[in-house]
Amino acid sequence: MDFDQVKRSHFIHNLRRALPLAAHARPALLAFLRARGVNGRGAPRLIVLDVFDAGEDRGLMCRFAIAEDGEASSFIAPLAQVALARRHPAARLRVGRQRQLPPGAP
């Protein structure tokens, strides 16, 4: 197995453990969504539902839904076109726990 493939598999596995993730569309995806009338004004909040490898020619892809959309429709796009939220609730909890105990404390 290729080393890059192993790293990619670990990355996908770690992202899947954190799903669903809040995100927003990067400019190219936002233009695509607007051209199809999917969203109105402003940038829609996205919820990443799944991450998968579509092979060498497509790369990493994700399935997402628009948070404000009442319909149960989802979309697929390259993961590079989706900006994941920087502050995930689980990440905040981890950081909070690390700040509570000083290094070397029992």
N, C-alpha and C. Protein backbone atom coordinates (compact mmCIF):
# COMPACT_ATOMS: atom_id res chain seq x y z
N MET A 1 0.84 -1.18 0.00
CA MET A 1 0.00 0.00 0.00
C MET A 1 0.88 1.24 0.00
N ASP A 2 0.50 2.23 -0.75
CA ASP A 2 1.23 3.47 -0.89
C ASP A 2 1.15 4.28 0.41
N PHE A 3 2.27 4.91 0.79
CA PHE A 3 2.31 5.70 2.01
C PHE A 3 1.29 6.84 1.98
N ASP A 4 1.17 7.51 0.83
CA ASP A 4 0.18 8.60 0.72
C ASP A 4 -1.24 8.07 0.90
N GLN A 5 -1.50 6.88 0.41
CA GLN A 5 -2.82 6.28 0.56
C GLN A 5 -3.11 5.98 2.04
N VAL A 6 -2.11 5.55 2.77
CA VAL A 6 -2.28 5.29 4.21
C VAL A 6 -2.59 6.59 4.94
N LYS A 7 -1.84 7.66 4.63
CA LYS A 7 -2.10 8.95 5.26
C LYS A 7 -3.49 9.46 4.91
N ARG A 8 -3.89 9.28 3.67
CA ARG A 8 -5.22 9.71 3.24
C ARG A 8 -6.31 8.94 3.97
N SER A 9 -6.10 7.64 4.14
CA SER A 9 -7.08 6.81 4.86
C SER A 9 -7.21 7.24 6.31
N HIS A 10 -6.08 7.53 6.96
CA HIS A 10 -6.12 8.00 8.35
C HIS A 10 -6.83 9.34 8.45
N PHE A 11 -6.56 10.22 7.50
CA PHE A 11 -7.20 11.53 7.49
C PHE A 11 -8.72 11.39 7.36
N ILE A 12 -9.16 10.56 6.44
CA ILE A 12 -10.59 10.32 6.25
C ILE A 12 -11.20 9.73 7.51
N HIS A 13 -10.52 8.75 8.09
CA HIS A 13 -11.01 8.12 9.31
C HIS A 13 -11.19 9.15 10.44
N ASN A 14 -10.20 10.02 10.62
CA ASN A 14 -10.28 11.04 11.67
C ASN A 14 -11.40 12.04 11.40
N LEU A 15 -11.57 12.43 10.15
CA LEU A 15 -12.67 13.35 9.83
C LEU A 15 -14.02 12.69 10.07
N ARG A 16 -14.15 11.44 9.70
CA ARG A 16 -15.44 10.74 9.88
C ARG A 16 -15.81 10.63 11.36
N ARG A 17 -14.81 10.49 12.22
CA ARG A 17 -15.09 10.42 13.65
C ARG A 17 -15.66 11.72 14.18
N ALA A 18 -15.37 12.85 13.52
CA ALA A 18 -15.82 14.15 13.97
C ALA A 18 -17.13 14.60 13.31
N LEU A 19 -17.66 13.80 12.39
CA LEU A 19 -18.88 14.19 11.67
C LEU A 19 -20.09 14.19 12.57
N PRO A 20 -21.06 15.02 12.31
CA PRO A 20 -21.13 16.05 11.27
C PRO A 20 -20.32 17.28 11.66
N LEU A 21 -19.78 17.95 10.64
CA LEU A 21 -18.96 19.13 10.86
C LEU A 21 -19.60 20.37 10.23
N ALA A 22 -19.52 21.48 10.91
CA ALA A 22 -19.99 22.74 10.36
C ALA A 22 -18.95 23.26 9.38
N ALA A 23 -19.42 23.90 8.32
CA ALA A 23 -18.51 24.41 7.29
C ALA A 23 -19.19 25.53 6.52
N HIS A 24 -18.42 26.14 5.61
CA HIS A 24 -18.99 27.09 4.67
C HIS A 24 -18.33 26.87 3.31
N ALA A 25 -19.00 27.33 2.28
CA ALA A 25 -18.52 27.11 0.91
C ALA A 25 -17.42 28.10 0.56
N ARG A 26 -16.41 27.59 -0.12
CA ARG A 26 -15.37 28.47 -0.66
C ARG A 26 -15.94 29.14 -1.91
N PRO A 27 -15.29 30.17 -2.42
CA PRO A 27 -15.87 30.96 -3.52
C PRO A 27 -16.34 30.16 -4.74
N ALA A 28 -15.58 29.18 -5.21
CA ALA A 28 -15.99 28.43 -6.39
C ALA A 28 -17.27 27.63 -6.13
N LEU A 29 -17.37 27.00 -4.97
CA LEU A 29 -18.57 26.24 -4.63
C LEU A 29 -19.75 27.18 -4.40
N LEU A 30 -19.49 28.31 -3.79
CA LEU A 30 -20.55 29.29 -3.55
C LEU A 30 -21.13 29.77 -4.88
N ALA A 31 -20.27 30.04 -5.87
CA ALA A 31 -20.72 30.46 -7.19
C ALA A 31 -21.54 29.35 -7.86
N PHE A 32 -21.10 28.12 -7.70
CA PHE A 32 -21.83 26.98 -8.26
C PHE A 32 -23.22 26.88 -7.64
N LEU A 33 -23.31 27.01 -6.33
CA LEU A 33 -24.61 26.92 -5.65
C LEU A 33 -25.53 28.08 -6.04
N ARG A 34 -24.96 29.27 -6.14
CA ARG A 34 -25.77 30.43 -6.53
C ARG A 34 -26.28 30.30 -7.96
N ALA A 35 -25.46 29.78 -8.86
CA ALA A 35 -25.86 29.62 -10.26
C ALA A 35 -27.04 28.66 -10.40
N ARG A 36 -27.14 27.74 -9.47
CA ARG A 36 -28.23 26.78 -9.52
C ARG A 36 -29.40 27.16 -8.61
N GLY A 37 -29.33 28.36 -8.04
CA GLY A 37 -30.42 28.86 -7.22
C GLY A 37 -30.61 28.14 -5.91
N VAL A 38 -29.55 27.50 -5.43
CA VAL A 38 -29.66 26.72 -4.20
C VAL A 38 -29.74 27.62 -2.98
N ASN A 39 -29.02 28.73 -2.98
CA ASN A 39 -29.04 29.60 -1.81
C ASN A 39 -29.38 31.02 -2.23
N GLY A 40 -29.86 31.77 -1.28
CA GLY A 40 -30.22 33.17 -1.53
C GLY A 40 -29.06 34.08 -1.23
N ARG A 41 -29.31 35.09 -0.43
CA ARG A 41 -28.28 36.05 -0.08
C ARG A 41 -27.31 35.46 0.93
N GLY A 42 -26.10 35.94 0.89
CA GLY A 42 -25.10 35.51 1.86
C GLY A 42 -24.59 34.11 1.59
N ALA A 43 -23.64 33.72 2.40
CA ALA A 43 -23.05 32.39 2.28
C ALA A 43 -23.80 31.42 3.17
N PRO A 44 -24.24 30.30 2.63
CA PRO A 44 -24.98 29.35 3.45
C PRO A 44 -24.06 28.59 4.40
N ARG A 45 -24.60 28.22 5.53
CA ARG A 45 -23.87 27.35 6.45
C ARG A 45 -24.07 25.93 5.96
N LEU A 46 -22.98 25.18 5.91
CA LEU A 46 -23.02 23.81 5.44
C LEU A 46 -22.80 22.85 6.59
N ILE A 47 -23.30 21.66 6.43
CA ILE A 47 -23.05 20.59 7.39
C ILE A 47 -22.47 19.42 6.61
N VAL A 48 -21.21 19.10 6.88
CA VAL A 48 -20.55 17.99 6.20
C VAL A 48 -21.03 16.70 6.84
N LEU A 49 -21.59 15.83 6.00
CA LEU A 49 -22.19 14.59 6.48
C LEU A 49 -21.30 13.37 6.28
N ASP A 50 -20.44 13.41 5.26
CA ASP A 50 -19.57 12.27 4.96
C ASP A 50 -18.36 12.76 4.19
N VAL A 51 -17.26 12.03 4.31
CA VAL A 51 -16.03 12.30 3.59
C VAL A 51 -15.57 10.98 2.99
N PHE A 52 -15.13 11.03 1.72
CA PHE A 52 -14.68 9.79 1.08
C PHE A 52 -13.64 10.10 0.02
N ASP A 53 -12.91 9.08 -0.38
CA ASP A 53 -11.88 9.19 -1.40
C ASP A 53 -12.48 8.75 -2.73
N ALA A 54 -12.47 9.62 -3.71
CA ALA A 54 -13.04 9.31 -5.02
C ALA A 54 -11.96 8.90 -6.02
N GLY A 55 -10.79 8.57 -5.54
CA GLY A 55 -9.72 8.10 -6.42
C GLY A 55 -8.75 9.20 -6.79
N GLU A 56 -7.73 8.82 -7.53
CA GLU A 56 -6.66 9.74 -7.89
C GLU A 56 -7.14 10.93 -8.72
N ASP A 57 -8.07 10.71 -9.63
CA ASP A 57 -8.49 11.79 -10.51
C ASP A 57 -9.44 12.77 -9.83
N ARG A 58 -10.21 12.34 -8.85
CA ARG A 58 -11.17 13.22 -8.16
C ARG A 58 -10.67 13.68 -6.80
N GLY A 59 -9.93 12.86 -6.09
CA GLY A 59 -9.42 13.24 -4.78
C GLY A 59 -10.44 13.05 -3.67
N LEU A 60 -10.24 13.78 -2.59
CA LEU A 60 -11.15 13.68 -1.46
C LEU A 60 -12.42 14.47 -1.74
N MET A 61 -13.54 13.85 -1.45
CA MET A 61 -14.85 14.46 -1.68
C MET A 61 -15.63 14.46 -0.37
N CYS A 62 -16.68 15.28 -0.34
CA CYS A 62 -17.54 15.29 0.84
C CYS A 62 -19.00 15.41 0.41
N ARG A 63 -19.85 14.89 1.25
CA ARG A 63 -21.29 15.03 1.06
C ARG A 63 -21.74 16.00 2.13
N PHE A 64 -22.48 17.03 1.71
CA PHE A 64 -22.92 18.06 2.65
C PHE A 64 -24.36 18.45 2.40
N ALA A 65 -24.95 19.06 3.41
CA ALA A 65 -26.29 19.62 3.31
C ALA A 65 -26.21 21.08 3.72
N ILE A 66 -27.17 21.86 3.25
CA ILE A 66 -27.23 23.26 3.63
C ILE A 66 -28.05 23.36 4.92
N ALA A 67 -27.48 23.98 5.93
CA ALA A 67 -28.09 24.00 7.26
C ALA A 67 -29.46 24.67 7.27
N GLU A 68 -29.62 25.74 6.53
CA GLU A 68 -30.88 26.48 6.54
C GLU A 68 -31.95 25.86 5.66
N ASP A 69 -31.58 24.88 4.85
CA ASP A 69 -32.51 24.27 3.90
C ASP A 69 -33.38 23.25 4.62
N GLY A 70 -34.68 23.41 4.53
CA GLY A 70 -35.60 22.49 5.18
C GLY A 70 -35.70 21.15 4.48
N GLU A 71 -35.29 21.09 3.21
CA GLU A 71 -35.36 19.83 2.48
C GLU A 71 -34.20 18.93 2.90
N ALA A 72 -34.36 17.66 2.68
CA ALA A 72 -33.33 16.69 3.07
C ALA A 72 -32.33 16.44 1.96
N SER A 73 -32.16 17.38 1.03
CA SER A 73 -31.24 17.17 -0.08
C SER A 73 -29.80 17.37 0.38
N SER A 74 -28.90 16.64 -0.25
CA SER A 74 -27.48 16.79 0.03
C SER A 74 -26.73 16.91 -1.29
N PHE A 75 -25.51 17.39 -1.21
CA PHE A 75 -24.69 17.65 -2.38
C PHE A 75 -23.33 17.01 -2.18
N ILE A 76 -22.64 16.79 -3.28
CA ILE A 76 -21.28 16.25 -3.23
C ILE A 76 -20.35 17.24 -3.91
N ALA A 77 -19.22 17.51 -3.28
CA ALA A 77 -18.24 18.45 -3.81
C ALA A 77 -16.85 18.03 -3.34
N PRO A 78 -15.81 18.52 -4.02
CA PRO A 78 -14.46 18.27 -3.53
C PRO A 78 -14.28 18.87 -2.14
N LEU A 79 -13.61 18.17 -1.28
CA LEU A 79 -13.39 18.65 0.08
C LEU A 79 -12.63 19.98 0.07
N ALA A 80 -11.82 20.21 -0.94
CA ALA A 80 -11.06 21.46 -1.04
C ALA A 80 -11.97 22.67 -1.25
N GLN A 81 -13.21 22.46 -1.70
CA GLN A 81 -14.14 23.57 -1.92
C GLN A 81 -14.98 23.90 -0.69
N VAL A 82 -14.76 23.16 0.38
CA VAL A 82 -15.50 23.36 1.62
C VAL A 82 -14.52 23.75 2.71
N ALA A 83 -14.80 24.86 3.39
CA ALA A 83 -13.95 25.30 4.49
C ALA A 83 -14.59 24.84 5.80
N LEU A 84 -13.94 23.92 6.47
CA LEU A 84 -14.46 23.41 7.74
C LEU A 84 -14.37 24.50 8.81
N ALA A 85 -15.35 24.50 9.70
CA ALA A 85 -15.35 25.47 10.80
C ALA A 85 -14.09 25.27 11.64
N ARG A 86 -13.48 26.34 12.02
CA ARG A 86 -12.24 26.25 12.79
C ARG A 86 -12.47 25.82 14.22
N ARG A 87 -13.63 26.12 14.74
CA ARG A 87 -13.90 25.82 16.15
C ARG A 87 -14.99 24.78 16.25
N HIS A 88 -14.57 23.55 16.26
CA HIS A 88 -15.50 22.44 16.42
C HIS A 88 -15.74 22.23 17.91
N PRO A 89 -16.97 21.96 18.35
CA PRO A 89 -17.25 21.81 19.79
C PRO A 89 -16.34 20.79 20.47
N ALA A 90 -16.06 19.68 19.83
CA ALA A 90 -15.18 18.67 20.45
C ALA A 90 -13.78 19.22 20.62
N ALA A 91 -13.32 20.01 19.65
CA ALA A 91 -11.98 20.59 19.75
C ALA A 91 -11.92 21.58 20.91
N ARG A 92 -13.00 22.34 21.10
CA ARG A 92 -13.03 23.29 22.22
C ARG A 92 -12.98 22.55 23.55
N LEU A 93 -13.68 21.42 23.65
CA LEU A 93 -13.66 20.64 24.88
C LEU A 93 -12.25 20.11 25.16
N ARG A 94 -11.59 19.62 24.11
CA ARG A 94 -10.23 19.11 24.27
C ARG A 94 -9.30 20.20 24.76
N VAL A 95 -9.39 21.39 24.15
CA VAL A 95 -8.53 22.50 24.54
C VAL A 95 -8.85 22.92 25.97
N GLY A 96 -10.12 22.95 26.34
CA GLY A 96 -10.51 23.32 27.69
C GLY A 96 -9.94 22.36 28.72
N ARG A 97 -9.97 21.08 28.42
CA ARG A 97 -9.42 20.09 29.36
C ARG A 97 -7.91 20.25 29.49
N GLN A 98 -7.23 20.56 28.38
CA GLN A 98 -5.79 20.74 28.43
C GLN A 98 -5.42 21.97 29.26
N ARG A 99 -6.25 22.99 29.22
CA ARG A 99 -5.96 24.22 29.98
C ARG A 99 -6.23 24.04 31.47
N GLN A 100 -7.10 23.12 31.84
CA GLN A 100 -7.45 22.94 33.24
C GLN A 100 -6.29 22.38 34.07
N LEU A 101 -5.59 21.42 33.51
CA LEU A 101 -4.48 20.80 34.24
C LEU A 101 -3.14 21.30 33.70
N PRO A 102 -2.31 21.86 34.54
CA PRO A 102 -0.99 22.26 34.07
C PRO A 102 -0.16 21.02 33.77
N PRO A 103 0.82 21.16 32.86
CA PRO A 103 1.67 20.00 32.52
C PRO A 103 2.38 19.45 33.76
N GLY A 104 2.36 18.15 33.87
CA GLY A 104 3.03 17.49 34.99
C GLY A 104 2.19 17.43 36.24
N ALA A 105 0.97 17.95 36.20
CA ALA A 105 0.10 17.89 37.38
C ALA A 105 -0.46 16.48 37.53
N PRO A 106 -0.67 16.03 38.76
CA PRO A 106 -1.19 14.67 38.96
C PRO A 106 -2.61 14.52 38.56
